[in-house]
Amino acid sequence: MKELTKYIAESLVDHPDLVKVEEVEGERTSVIELSVAKEDIGKIIGKQGKTASAIRTILNAASMKLKKRTILEIID
Protein backbone atom coordinates (compact mmCIF):
# COMPACT_ATOMS: atom_id res chain seq x y z
CA MET A 1 0.00 0.00 0.00
CA LYS A 2 2.88 2.32 0.78
CA GLU A 3 4.36 1.98 -2.70
CA LEU A 4 0.96 2.44 -4.36
CA THR A 5 0.31 5.64 -2.40
CA LYS A 6 3.76 6.98 -3.21
CA TYR A 7 3.31 6.26 -6.92
CA ILE A 8 -0.08 8.00 -7.07
CA ALA A 9 1.13 11.03 -5.09
CA GLU A 10 4.31 11.45 -7.15
CA SER A 11 2.23 11.37 -10.33
CA LEU A 12 0.00 14.23 -9.12
CA VAL A 13 2.42 16.75 -7.60
CA ASP A 14 4.96 19.24 -9.02
CA HIS A 15 7.69 18.22 -6.53
CA PRO A 16 7.73 14.41 -6.49
CA ASP A 17 11.05 14.35 -4.63
CA LEU A 18 9.34 15.86 -1.55
CA VAL A 19 6.69 13.13 -1.27
CA LYS A 20 7.04 11.13 1.96
CA VAL A 21 4.92 8.13 2.84
CA GLU A 22 4.97 6.40 6.22
CA GLU A 23 2.94 3.30 7.04
CA VAL A 24 1.87 2.24 10.51
CA GLU A 25 0.58 -1.32 10.43
CA GLY A 26 -1.73 -2.91 12.94
CA GLU A 27 -3.40 -6.31 12.95
CA ARG A 28 -6.35 -5.37 10.79
CA THR A 29 -5.76 -1.70 10.04
CA SER A 30 -2.98 0.10 8.27
CA VAL A 31 -2.56 3.89 8.56
CA ILE A 32 -0.74 5.60 5.71
CA GLU A 33 0.60 9.09 6.40
CA LEU A 34 1.21 11.14 3.25
CA SER A 35 3.31 14.29 3.35
CA VAL A 36 3.92 16.56 0.35
CA ALA A 37 5.27 20.06 -0.28
CA LYS A 38 3.04 22.93 0.93
CA GLU A 39 2.22 24.09 -2.60
CA ASP A 40 1.19 20.55 -3.62
CA ILE A 41 -1.35 19.92 -0.85
CA GLY A 42 -4.17 21.30 -3.01
CA LYS A 43 -3.33 18.89 -5.81
CA ILE A 44 -3.50 15.91 -3.47
CA ILE A 45 -6.77 16.99 -1.84
CA GLY A 46 -8.43 18.25 -5.03
CA LYS A 47 -11.62 20.26 -5.44
CA GLN A 48 -13.98 19.46 -2.58
CA GLY A 49 -11.66 16.60 -1.57
CA LYS A 50 -12.45 14.52 -4.64
CA THR A 51 -8.85 13.56 -5.41
CA ALA A 52 -8.18 12.50 -1.81
CA SER A 53 -11.42 10.53 -1.83
CA ALA A 54 -10.40 8.78 -5.06
CA ILE A 55 -7.01 7.84 -3.58
CA ARG A 56 -8.75 6.45 -0.49
CA THR A 57 -11.11 4.42 -2.70
CA ILE A 58 -8.18 2.91 -4.61
CA LEU A 59 -6.38 2.03 -1.36
CA ASN A 60 -9.51 0.45 0.12
CA ALA A 61 -10.07 -1.64 -3.00
CA ALA A 62 -6.46 -2.81 -3.01
CA SER A 63 -6.48 -3.58 0.71
CA MET A 64 -9.61 -5.74 0.39
CA LYS A 65 -7.41 -8.44 -1.16
CA LEU A 66 -5.26 -8.39 1.97
CA LYS A 67 -8.38 -8.40 4.19
CA LYS A 68 -7.19 -5.24 5.89
CA ARG A 69 -8.49 -1.72 6.26
CA THR A 70 -6.39 1.21 5.07
CA ILE A 71 -6.68 4.78 6.35
CA LEU A 72 -5.02 7.65 4.48
CA GLU A 73 -3.95 10.71 6.45
CA ILE A 74 -2.66 13.75 4.59
CA ILE A 75 -0.18 15.65 6.74
CA ASP A 76 0.79 19.27 6.08
C-alpha atoms as a PDB file:
ATOM      1  CA  MET A   1       0.000   0.000   0.000  1.00  0.00           C
ATOM      2  CA  LYS A   2       2.877   2.323   0.785  1.00  0.00           C
ATOM      3  CA  GLU A   3       4.358   1.976  -2.704  1.00  0.00           C
ATOM      4  CA  LEU A   4       0.960   2.445  -4.359  1.00  0.00           C
ATOM      5  CA  THR A   5       0.309   5.637  -2.398  1.00  0.00           C
ATOM      6  CA  LYS A   6       3.762   6.981  -3.210  1.00  0.00           C
ATOM      7  CA  TYR A   7       3.306   6.257  -6.924  1.00  0.00           C
ATOM      8  CA  ILE A   8      -0.075   8.002  -7.071  1.00  0.00           C
ATOM      9  CA  ALA A   9       1.129  11.027  -5.090  1.00  0.00           C
ATOM     10  CA  GLU A  10       4.311  11.453  -7.146  1.00  0.00           C
ATOM     11  CA  SER A  11       2.233  11.370 -10.329  1.00  0.00           C
ATOM     12  CA  LEU A  12       0.003  14.227  -9.116  1.00  0.00           C
ATOM     13  CA  VAL A  13       2.424  16.750  -7.603  1.00  0.00           C
ATOM     14  CA  ASP A  14       4.955  19.235  -9.019  1.00  0.00           C
ATOM     15  CA  HIS A  15       7.693  18.223  -6.534  1.00  0.00           C
ATOM     16  CA  PRO A  16       7.727  14.405  -6.488  1.00  0.00           C
ATOM     17  CA  ASP A  17      11.047  14.351  -4.635  1.00  0.00           C
ATOM     18  CA  LEU A  18       9.339  15.863  -1.551  1.00  0.00           C
ATOM     19  CA  VAL A  19       6.690  13.130  -1.271  1.00  0.00           C
ATOM     20  CA  LYS A  20       7.038  11.131   1.959  1.00  0.00           C
ATOM     21  CA  VAL A  21       4.918   8.131   2.838  1.00  0.00           C
ATOM     22  CA  GLU A  22       4.965   6.405   6.217  1.00  0.00           C
ATOM     23  CA  GLU A  23       2.945   3.300   7.036  1.00  0.00           C
ATOM     24  CA  VAL A  24       1.875   2.236  10.514  1.00  0.00           C
ATOM     25  CA  GLU A  25       0.578  -1.318  10.432  1.00  0.00           C
ATOM     26  CA  GLY A  26      -1.735  -2.910  12.945  1.00  0.00           C
ATOM     27  CA  GLU A  27      -3.396  -6.308  12.950  1.00  0.00           C
ATOM     28  CA  ARG A  28      -6.348  -5.370  10.785  1.00  0.00           C
ATOM     29  CA  THR A  29      -5.761  -1.703  10.043  1.00  0.00           C
ATOM     30  CA  SER A  30      -2.983   0.104   8.270  1.00  0.00           C
ATOM     31  CA  VAL A  31      -2.560   3.888   8.560  1.00  0.00           C
ATOM     32  CA  ILE A  32      -0.742   5.604   5.709  1.00  0.00           C
ATOM     33  CA  GLU A  33       0.605   9.092   6.397  1.00  0.00           C
ATOM     34  CA  LEU A  34       1.209  11.137   3.250  1.00  0.00           C
ATOM     35  CA  SER A  35       3.305  14.287   3.355  1.00  0.00           C
ATOM     36  CA  VAL A  36       3.916  16.557   0.348  1.00  0.00           C
ATOM     37  CA  ALA A  37       5.268  20.062  -0.277  1.00  0.00           C
ATOM     38  CA  LYS A  38       3.040  22.930   0.931  1.00  0.00           C
ATOM     39  CA  GLU A  39       2.225  24.086  -2.602  1.00  0.00           C
ATOM     40  CA  ASP A  40       1.189  20.547  -3.620  1.00  0.00           C
ATOM     41  CA  ILE A  41      -1.354  19.917  -0.849  1.00  0.00           C
ATOM     42  CA  GLY A  42      -4.173  21.301  -3.007  1.00  0.00           C
ATOM     43  CA  LYS A  43      -3.327  18.895  -5.810  1.00  0.00           C
ATOM     44  CA  ILE A  44      -3.496  15.910  -3.467  1.00  0.00           C
ATOM     45  CA  ILE A  45      -6.768  16.995  -1.844  1.00  0.00           C
ATOM     46  CA  GLY A  46      -8.431  18.255  -5.033  1.00  0.00           C
ATOM     47  CA  LYS A  47     -11.617  20.258  -5.443  1.00  0.00           C
ATOM     48  CA  GLN A  48     -13.980  19.456  -2.580  1.00  0.00           C
ATOM     49  CA  GLY A  49     -11.662  16.604  -1.572  1.00  0.00           C
ATOM     50  CA  LYS A  50     -12.448  14.520  -4.635  1.00  0.00           C
ATOM     51  CA  THR A  51      -8.845  13.559  -5.409  1.00  0.00           C
ATOM     52  CA  ALA A  52      -8.178  12.502  -1.815  1.00  0.00           C
ATOM     53  CA  SER A  53     -11.417  10.531  -1.833  1.00  0.00           C
ATOM     54  CA  ALA A  54     -10.403   8.776  -5.057  1.00  0.00           C
ATOM     55  CA  ILE A  55      -7.010   7.837  -3.580  1.00  0.00           C
ATOM     56  CA  ARG A  56      -8.752   6.451  -0.486  1.00  0.00           C
ATOM     57  CA  THR A  57     -11.110   4.423  -2.698  1.00  0.00           C
ATOM     58  CA  ILE A  58      -8.181   2.906  -4.613  1.00  0.00           C
ATOM     59  CA  LEU A  59      -6.382   2.035  -1.364  1.00  0.00           C
ATOM     60  CA  ASN A  60      -9.507   0.452   0.120  1.00  0.00           C
ATOM     61  CA  ALA A  61     -10.074  -1.637  -2.998  1.00  0.00           C
ATOM     62  CA  ALA A  62      -6.455  -2.812  -3.012  1.00  0.00           C
ATOM     63  CA  SER A  63      -6.483  -3.578   0.713  1.00  0.00           C
ATOM     64  CA  MET A  64      -9.606  -5.744   0.388  1.00  0.00           C
ATOM     65  CA  LYS A  65      -7.408  -8.441  -1.160  1.00  0.00           C
ATOM     66  CA  LEU A  66      -5.259  -8.386   1.970  1.00  0.00           C
ATOM     67  CA  LYS A  67      -8.380  -8.403   4.187  1.00  0.00           C
ATOM     68  CA  LYS A  68      -7.186  -5.237   5.891  1.00  0.00           C
ATOM     69  CA  ARG A  69      -8.492  -1.718   6.260  1.00  0.00           C
ATOM     70  CA  THR A  70      -6.389   1.208   5.074  1.00  0.00           C
ATOM     71  CA  ILE A  71      -6.680   4.776   6.346  1.00  0.00           C
ATOM     72  CA  LEU A  72      -5.020   7.650   4.477  1.00  0.00           C
ATOM     73  CA  GLU A  73      -3.947  10.709   6.447  1.00  0.00           C
ATOM     74  CA  ILE A  74      -2.660  13.754   4.589  1.00  0.00           C
ATOM     75  CA  ILE A  75      -0.185  15.652   6.744  1.00  0.00           C
ATOM     76  CA  ASP A  76       0.787  19.274   6.077  1.00  0.00           C
END
